[in-house]
Amino acid sequence: MYNLIEFFKEFYGESFIRDYRRISPIETRRFIVQSPKVLIRLLNGEYIYSNHYMSVNSREERNSTTSKAMDRLFMDFDTDDQCLKDIKNKIVDIQMKKPHNILQEEQELIHQYQDILIEDKVAETPINEAKRVAKLIYDTFGVYPILVFSGAKGCHLYIPYNPVLLNFPNKTIELICNDYTSRFNLTTLDPAPSRDANARISRIPYTRHPISGMYAVLFGIEDDYTTIMEKSVNPVVEPFKMQNHMTDFDKYLPEIDMHVSKMKELEKQQRDLQNYRRRLRNQRKCNRRVNIGIKGRYRVPDCRDLAQDILGVPEADYEDYITYKCPFHSDKHPSMSVYNENFFCGVSGCVGALNYWNFLKKYYNMADAEVRDYLIDNYPEN
């Protein structure tokens, strides 16, 4: 009988080095796994996601967003349903309070979640949009990509190819996904996994979803919604051959990556020009300050440096910005992004965008004169 070890040998490779994350309501742990047997020992049927890079031999490589070997392109199709979201929040609250006990209330909520998911066909639009992209892949490469129902309200699509090293994997994948979104007018393709390597994680096939109680399962282009749900409720590990889904996408990715490299160089030139113009403006401002008798000069700080001086180590450090839990509201997840010129919190009703001056005024409750003196003392002009 076909088993998980055989499946993982095909799906991830006989010998592989990948980064996996165990995510539960009470902890997030990461593992570097090198074989199917080790992965199965870690699974225990719950709370495991994986990412899709091959080379993760060190913490530095694992956290890097550049120059990574990739062997598949991943797309996440997901929808939003307020009723399911409310049930999920109740289940998570129970799991956090009683992480080792399955309560009757939790089981009833899981059954409610399943009933809505199946009867109301909540995941139908993501599944159908993933199938539309899959048909395009078939028309282009002659094979279908891998389709996986997530076990909840969305599905994943994998386009496998021979491993290729990309210098700008995030931007390269973002361009591809934006093209598909525009071409098909997609409404459920989640942009986060396209932009951010750390968000590019998906549930491992044949693992149980902790909220729905259903399983992540592979499905075919001809499977209807009812068939997919039946597979997810009563999963059976089916024979799988990666070769039946292999594309030569790797021949095209370096060309897109090179295009991204040229875009980055152009963006750098534009930033350098903007910085030069900004320095000229700042110099004029400093000259005006001296003329009206202000006691000293300061340089305008990079907001990212200012944030690290005040808020400490960021939650995440990306190429153009860093993130923090917003200090201006009760923030469980990092919602403040700090760029060169501003701080931005996207939470409705919070501060929105702040420049360095207004951030200091609000954070320390300073008057303008106090902000000026703070800048002169901490960021004096060289």
Protein backbone atom coordinates (compact mmCIF):
# COMPACT_ATOMS: atom_id res chain seq x y z
CA MET A 1 0.00 0.00 0.00
CA TYR A 2 1.31 3.45 -0.96
CA ASN A 3 2.42 5.35 2.16
CA LEU A 4 3.56 8.78 3.28
CA ILE A 5 7.28 8.00 3.10
CA GLU A 6 6.94 7.09 -0.57
CA PHE A 7 4.84 10.19 -1.18
CA PHE A 8 7.31 12.55 0.52
CA LYS A 9 10.22 11.00 -1.39
CA GLU A 10 8.45 12.04 -4.58
CA PHE A 11 7.00 15.35 -3.39
CA TYR A 12 10.11 16.71 -1.64
CA GLY A 13 12.83 14.38 -2.90
CA GLU A 14 14.65 11.30 -1.62
CA SER A 15 17.18 13.47 0.19
CA PHE A 16 16.31 17.11 0.79
CA ILE A 17 17.15 20.06 2.98
CA ARG A 18 14.11 22.20 3.66
CA ASP A 19 12.83 24.56 6.31
CA TYR A 20 9.64 23.53 8.13
CA ARG A 21 7.57 25.35 10.71
CA ARG A 22 5.32 23.91 13.40
CA ILE A 23 2.65 26.53 14.05
CA SER A 24 0.15 26.08 16.87
CA PRO A 25 -1.87 28.53 18.98
CA ILE A 26 0.81 28.47 21.66
CA GLU A 27 4.13 28.20 19.81
CA THR A 28 5.97 28.54 16.52
CA ARG A 29 8.99 26.31 15.98
CA ARG A 30 11.21 25.82 12.95
CA PHE A 31 13.07 22.74 11.81
CA ILE A 32 15.56 21.98 9.08
CA VAL A 33 14.67 18.51 7.79
CA GLN A 34 16.80 16.30 5.55
CA SER A 35 14.74 13.15 4.94
CA PRO A 36 11.12 11.93 4.66
CA LYS A 37 11.41 9.76 7.76
CA VAL A 38 12.50 12.71 9.93
CA LEU A 39 9.64 14.78 8.56
CA ILE A 40 7.09 12.09 9.42
CA ARG A 41 8.44 11.86 12.97
CA LEU A 42 7.90 15.62 13.35
CA LEU A 43 4.44 15.69 11.85
CA ASN A 44 2.22 13.93 14.38
CA GLY A 45 -0.63 14.99 12.14
CA GLU A 46 -0.90 18.61 13.35
CA TYR A 47 0.27 22.20 12.91
CA ILE A 48 3.02 21.72 10.33
CA TYR A 49 3.61 24.05 7.42
CA SER A 50 6.56 24.08 5.04
CA ASN A 51 8.31 26.59 2.88
CA HIS A 52 9.58 25.97 -0.60
CA TYR A 53 13.26 26.74 -0.73
CA MET A 54 15.84 24.02 -1.10
CA SER A 55 19.00 25.51 0.36
CA VAL A 56 18.62 26.28 4.08
CA ASN A 57 21.83 25.01 5.62
CA SER A 58 22.10 27.84 8.14
CA ARG A 59 20.02 30.39 10.00
CA GLU A 60 21.42 33.13 7.75
CA GLU A 61 20.31 31.29 4.61
CA ARG A 62 16.96 30.47 6.17
CA ASN A 63 16.18 34.13 6.92
CA SER A 64 17.61 35.47 3.68
CA THR A 65 15.26 36.60 0.93
CA THR A 66 17.88 36.63 -1.82
CA SER A 67 19.98 34.13 -3.76
CA LYS A 68 18.06 30.98 -2.90
CA ALA A 69 17.78 27.75 -4.84
CA MET A 70 14.15 27.03 -5.63
CA ASP A 71 12.57 24.00 -7.28
CA ARG A 72 8.90 25.03 -7.37
CA LEU A 73 6.76 28.11 -7.70
CA PHE A 74 4.03 28.31 -5.07
CA MET A 75 0.70 30.12 -5.29
CA ASP A 76 -1.81 30.42 -2.47
CA PHE A 77 -5.48 30.89 -3.35
CA ASP A 78 -7.60 31.88 -0.37
CA THR A 79 -10.94 33.52 0.36
CA ASP A 80 -12.41 35.39 3.28
CA ASP A 81 -15.56 34.34 5.12
CA GLN A 82 -16.58 36.19 8.26
CA CYS A 83 -18.58 33.30 9.70
CA LEU A 84 -15.62 30.91 9.38
CA LYS A 85 -13.32 33.59 10.80
CA ASP A 86 -15.53 33.94 13.89
CA ILE A 87 -15.59 30.17 14.44
CA LYS A 88 -11.82 30.01 13.98
CA ASN A 89 -11.26 32.69 16.62
CA LYS A 90 -13.39 30.73 19.11
CA ILE A 91 -11.48 27.50 18.40
CA VAL A 92 -8.10 29.20 18.75
CA ASP A 93 -9.21 30.75 22.06
CA ILE A 94 -10.15 27.27 23.37
CA GLN A 95 -6.89 25.73 22.13
CA MET A 96 -4.83 28.43 23.83
CA LYS A 97 -6.59 27.89 27.14
CA LYS A 98 -6.58 24.08 26.95
CA PRO A 99 -3.84 23.17 24.46
CA HIS A 100 -3.70 19.49 25.45
CA ASN A 101 -7.42 18.79 25.83
CA ILE A 102 -9.98 18.35 23.06
CA LEU A 103 -13.16 19.73 24.55
CA GLN A 104 -16.68 18.97 23.40
CA GLU A 105 -17.23 22.66 22.63
CA GLU A 106 -14.17 22.63 20.37
CA GLN A 107 -15.43 19.56 18.51
CA GLU A 108 -18.82 21.16 17.97
CA LEU A 109 -17.19 24.29 16.55
CA ILE A 110 -14.99 22.19 14.24
CA HIS A 111 -18.09 20.40 12.93
CA GLN A 112 -19.77 23.78 12.37
CA TYR A 113 -16.71 24.94 10.43
CA GLN A 114 -16.77 21.79 8.29
CA ASP A 115 -20.49 22.06 7.57
CA ILE A 116 -20.20 25.66 6.38
CA LEU A 117 -17.09 24.90 4.33
CA ILE A 118 -18.73 21.91 2.62
CA GLU A 119 -22.39 22.95 2.33
CA ASP A 120 -21.82 26.62 1.44
CA LYS A 121 -18.90 25.77 -0.88
CA VAL A 122 -16.78 28.55 0.63
CA ALA A 123 -13.58 27.33 -1.05
CA GLU A 124 -15.14 26.92 -4.52
CA THR A 125 -13.87 30.22 -5.95
CA PRO A 126 -10.22 29.70 -4.88
CA ILE A 127 -10.30 26.14 -6.23
CA ASN A 128 -11.78 27.23 -9.56
CA GLU A 129 -9.29 30.08 -9.95
CA ALA A 130 -6.41 27.69 -9.22
CA LYS A 131 -7.78 25.33 -11.89
CA ARG A 132 -7.85 28.17 -14.43
CA VAL A 133 -4.17 28.88 -13.81
CA ALA A 134 -3.46 25.13 -13.93
CA LYS A 135 -5.01 24.90 -17.41
CA LEU A 136 -2.77 27.72 -18.62
CA ILE A 137 0.27 25.87 -17.27
CA TYR A 138 -0.89 22.75 -19.11
CA ASP A 139 -1.35 24.68 -22.36
CA THR A 140 2.16 26.14 -21.95
CA PHE A 141 4.18 23.16 -20.69
CA GLY A 142 2.05 20.12 -21.51
CA VAL A 143 1.67 19.02 -17.87
CA TYR A 144 -0.61 20.09 -15.05
CA PRO A 145 0.85 21.68 -11.90
CA ILE A 146 0.18 20.14 -8.48
CA LEU A 147 -3.12 21.20 -6.91
CA VAL A 148 -3.59 20.81 -3.15
CA PHE A 149 -6.72 21.67 -1.17
CA SER A 150 -5.49 23.28 2.08
CA GLY A 151 -8.06 21.62 4.33
CA ALA A 152 -9.79 24.94 5.01
CA LYS A 153 -10.96 27.74 2.71
CA GLY A 154 -8.33 27.75 0.00
CA CYS A 155 -5.90 25.76 -2.06
CA HIS A 156 -2.29 25.71 -3.15
CA LEU A 157 -0.77 25.39 -6.60
CA TYR A 158 2.81 24.21 -7.17
CA ILE A 159 4.69 24.51 -10.45
CA PRO A 160 7.74 22.21 -10.10
CA TYR A 161 10.90 22.62 -12.16
CA ASN A 162 14.61 21.82 -11.95
CA PRO A 163 16.32 23.78 -9.14
CA VAL A 164 17.43 27.26 -10.13
CA LEU A 165 19.25 29.97 -8.18
CA LEU A 166 17.56 33.37 -8.26
CA ASN A 167 19.11 36.60 -7.07
CA PHE A 168 15.74 38.28 -6.55
CA PRO A 169 13.26 35.47 -5.88
CA ASN A 170 10.66 37.67 -4.19
CA LYS A 171 10.35 40.23 -6.97
CA THR A 172 10.63 37.58 -9.69
CA ILE A 173 7.76 35.54 -8.24
CA GLU A 174 5.73 38.70 -7.58
CA LEU A 175 5.95 39.68 -11.26
CA ILE A 176 4.78 36.22 -12.36
CA CYS A 177 1.85 36.18 -9.93
CA ASN A 178 0.86 39.73 -10.85
CA ASP A 179 0.80 38.66 -14.49
CA TYR A 180 -1.53 35.73 -13.73
CA THR A 181 -3.72 37.94 -11.52
CA SER A 182 -4.08 40.53 -14.26
CA ARG A 183 -4.55 38.00 -17.06
CA PHE A 184 -7.29 36.03 -15.29
CA ASN A 185 -8.71 38.82 -13.11
CA LEU A 186 -8.01 36.63 -10.07
CA THR A 187 -9.62 37.66 -6.80
CA THR A 188 -8.31 34.99 -4.41
CA LEU A 189 -4.58 34.75 -5.19
CA ASP A 190 -2.94 35.85 -1.94
CA PRO A 191 -0.24 38.45 -2.72
CA ALA A 192 1.70 37.94 0.55
CA PRO A 193 3.48 34.69 -0.47
CA SER A 194 4.45 36.38 -3.74
CA ARG A 195 6.13 39.35 -2.05
CA ASP A 196 7.66 37.86 1.08
CA ALA A 197 9.74 34.69 1.35
CA ASN A 198 8.90 34.36 5.04
CA ALA A 199 5.20 34.23 4.17
CA ARG A 200 5.73 31.62 1.47
CA ILE A 201 4.60 28.65 3.54
CA SER A 202 1.93 26.03 2.93
CA ARG A 203 0.41 23.09 4.67
CA ILE A 204 2.14 19.77 4.01
CA PRO A 205 -0.11 17.35 2.08
CA TYR A 206 -1.98 14.78 4.20
CA THR A 207 -1.71 16.80 7.41
CA ARG A 208 -4.80 17.72 9.42
CA HIS A 209 -5.92 21.32 9.62
CA PRO A 210 -6.28 22.22 13.34
CA ILE A 211 -9.31 24.46 12.76
CA SER A 212 -11.39 22.54 10.22
CA GLY A 213 -10.31 19.02 11.23
CA MET A 214 -9.99 18.27 7.50
CA TYR A 215 -6.83 17.27 5.65
CA ALA A 216 -4.69 18.89 3.00
CA VAL A 217 -5.07 16.64 -0.05
CA LEU A 218 -4.06 16.57 -3.69
CA PHE A 219 -6.83 16.83 -6.26
CA GLY A 220 -7.11 16.66 -10.02
CA ILE A 221 -8.27 19.18 -12.58
CA GLU A 222 -11.45 17.14 -13.19
CA ASP A 223 -12.39 16.71 -9.52
CA ASP A 224 -15.52 18.63 -8.55
CA TYR A 225 -16.04 20.38 -5.21
CA THR A 226 -17.87 17.46 -3.60
CA THR A 227 -15.12 15.01 -4.57
CA ILE A 228 -12.41 17.28 -3.18
CA MET A 229 -14.26 17.67 0.12
CA GLU A 230 -14.72 13.88 0.38
CA LYS A 231 -10.99 13.39 -0.14
CA SER A 232 -10.27 15.97 2.57
CA VAL A 233 -12.61 14.41 5.12
CA ASN A 234 -11.46 10.83 4.44
CA PRO A 235 -7.89 11.18 3.11
CA VAL A 236 -6.10 8.35 1.33
CA VAL A 237 -2.45 8.73 0.31
CA GLU A 238 -2.57 8.28 -3.45
CA PRO A 239 0.34 7.27 -5.73
CA PHE A 240 2.20 10.33 -6.92
CA LYS A 241 4.97 10.95 -9.47
CA MET A 242 6.65 14.34 -9.50
CA GLN A 243 7.85 13.71 -13.06
CA ASN A 244 4.23 13.88 -14.26
CA HIS A 245 4.13 17.53 -13.17
CA MET A 246 7.67 18.73 -14.01
CA THR A 247 7.92 21.82 -16.21
CA ASP A 248 10.88 23.64 -17.73
CA PHE A 249 9.92 26.83 -15.92
CA ASP A 250 13.54 26.99 -14.79
CA LYS A 251 14.52 28.06 -18.32
CA TYR A 252 12.40 31.22 -18.06
CA LEU A 253 12.94 32.25 -14.44
CA PRO A 254 16.57 33.46 -14.92
CA GLU A 255 15.38 35.76 -17.72
CA ILE A 256 12.75 37.29 -15.43
CA ASP A 257 15.31 37.47 -12.63
CA MET A 258 17.68 39.37 -14.93
CA HIS A 259 14.87 41.77 -15.81
CA VAL A 260 14.29 42.32 -12.09
CA SER A 261 18.01 42.99 -11.63
CA LYS A 262 17.87 45.74 -14.24
CA MET A 263 14.75 47.17 -12.58
CA LYS A 264 16.56 47.18 -9.22
CA GLU A 265 19.53 49.01 -10.71
CA LEU A 266 17.24 51.63 -12.22
CA GLU A 267 15.40 52.00 -8.91
CA LYS A 268 18.75 52.44 -7.15
CA GLN A 269 19.75 55.18 -9.56
CA GLN A 270 16.42 56.91 -8.96
CA ARG A 271 16.83 56.59 -5.18
CA ASP A 272 20.36 58.01 -5.41
CA LEU A 273 19.03 60.96 -7.37
CA GLN A 274 16.21 61.50 -4.87
CA ASN A 275 18.66 61.28 -1.96
CA TYR A 276 20.92 63.81 -3.64
CA ARG A 277 18.02 66.20 -4.10
CA ARG A 278 16.93 65.59 -0.52
CA ARG A 279 20.40 66.39 0.78
CA LEU A 280 20.32 69.65 -1.13
CA ARG A 281 16.94 70.53 0.37
CA ASN A 282 18.13 69.60 3.87
CA GLN A 283 21.24 71.71 3.41
CA ARG A 284 19.09 74.69 2.46
CA LYS A 285 16.92 74.06 5.54
CA CYS A 286 20.01 73.88 7.77
CA ASN A 287 21.30 77.12 6.31
CA ARG A 288 17.95 78.78 7.01
CA ARG A 289 18.05 77.45 10.59
CA VAL A 290 21.45 79.01 11.20
CA ASN A 291 20.29 82.32 9.77
CA ILE A 292 17.37 82.50 12.25
CA GLY A 293 19.54 81.66 15.23
CA ILE A 294 18.72 78.01 16.07
CA LYS A 295 21.43 76.71 18.39
CA GLY A 296 22.61 73.82 16.17
CA ARG A 297 22.06 71.68 13.14
CA TYR A 298 20.87 68.10 12.79
CA ARG A 299 20.81 65.64 9.94
CA VAL A 300 17.51 64.12 8.93
CA PRO A 301 17.72 60.49 10.11
CA ASP A 302 16.76 57.45 8.11
CA CYS A 303 13.52 56.35 9.78
CA ARG A 304 14.79 52.76 9.93
CA ASP A 305 17.81 53.88 11.98
CA LEU A 306 15.59 56.02 14.19
CA ALA A 307 13.25 53.08 14.78
CA GLN A 308 16.07 50.74 15.76
CA ASP A 309 17.54 53.37 18.11
CA ILE A 310 14.18 53.76 19.87
CA LEU A 311 12.30 50.47 19.43
CA GLY A 312 15.23 48.06 19.29
CA VAL A 313 15.63 45.00 17.06
CA PRO A 314 12.89 44.78 14.39
CA GLU A 315 10.55 41.81 14.07
CA ALA A 316 11.69 41.37 10.46
CA ASP A 317 14.26 43.08 8.23
CA TYR A 318 13.52 43.22 4.51
CA GLU A 319 15.37 44.82 1.63
CA ASP A 320 13.58 48.18 1.73
CA TYR A 321 11.82 48.22 5.09
CA ILE A 322 11.67 46.74 8.60
CA THR A 323 8.66 45.81 10.72
CA TYR A 324 7.63 46.24 14.37
CA LYS A 325 4.62 45.66 16.53
CA CYS A 326 3.04 49.10 16.42
CA PRO A 327 3.73 51.05 19.66
CA PHE A 328 0.56 53.12 19.21
CA HIS A 329 -2.00 50.32 19.64
CA SER A 330 -2.20 46.84 21.15
CA ASP A 331 -0.47 44.90 18.42
CA LYS A 332 -0.15 41.10 18.43
CA HIS A 333 1.39 40.90 14.97
CA PRO A 334 3.87 43.34 13.41
CA SER A 335 1.69 45.92 11.63
CA MET A 336 4.11 48.84 11.52
CA SER A 337 6.41 49.06 8.51
CA VAL A 338 9.33 51.49 8.65
CA TYR A 339 10.82 52.79 5.41
CA ASN A 340 13.58 55.27 4.71
CA GLU A 341 11.28 58.29 4.99
CA ASN A 342 8.31 57.23 7.09
CA PHE A 343 6.65 54.98 9.61
CA PHE A 344 3.41 53.36 8.46
CA CYS A 345 0.75 51.41 10.38
CA GLY A 346 -1.98 49.96 8.19
CA VAL A 347 -4.41 49.21 11.01
CA SER A 348 -7.62 51.19 10.62
CA GLY A 349 -7.88 54.01 13.13
CA CYS A 350 -4.19 53.97 14.04
CA VAL A 351 -1.56 56.57 13.09
CA GLY A 352 -1.27 55.84 9.35
CA ALA A 353 1.94 57.41 7.96
CA LEU A 354 4.34 59.47 10.10
CA ASN A 355 7.60 61.13 9.16
CA TYR A 356 10.52 61.16 11.60
CA TRP A 357 9.41 64.47 13.19
CA ASN A 358 5.81 63.45 13.82
CA PHE A 359 6.87 59.99 15.05
CA LEU A 360 9.04 61.60 17.76
CA LYS A 361 6.27 64.03 18.69
CA LYS A 362 3.73 61.25 19.11
CA TYR A 363 6.00 58.59 20.65
CA TYR A 364 7.54 60.90 23.28
CA ASN A 365 4.63 63.40 23.42
CA MET A 366 7.08 66.18 22.56
CA ALA A 367 6.57 69.75 21.47
CA ASP A 368 8.26 70.92 18.26
CA ALA A 369 11.07 72.61 20.15
CA GLU A 370 11.73 69.41 22.11
CA VAL A 371 11.84 67.38 18.91
CA ARG A 372 14.34 69.81 17.43
CA ASP A 373 16.57 69.61 20.51
CA TYR A 374 16.30 65.78 20.53
CA LEU A 375 17.45 65.64 16.91
CA ILE A 376 20.29 68.08 17.50
CA ASP A 377 21.51 66.03 20.49
CA ASN A 378 21.14 62.59 18.88
CA TYR A 379 21.62 63.24 15.16
CA PRO A 380 24.00 66.21 14.92
CA GLU A 381 25.13 67.29 11.50
CA ASN A 382 28.57 65.89 10.77
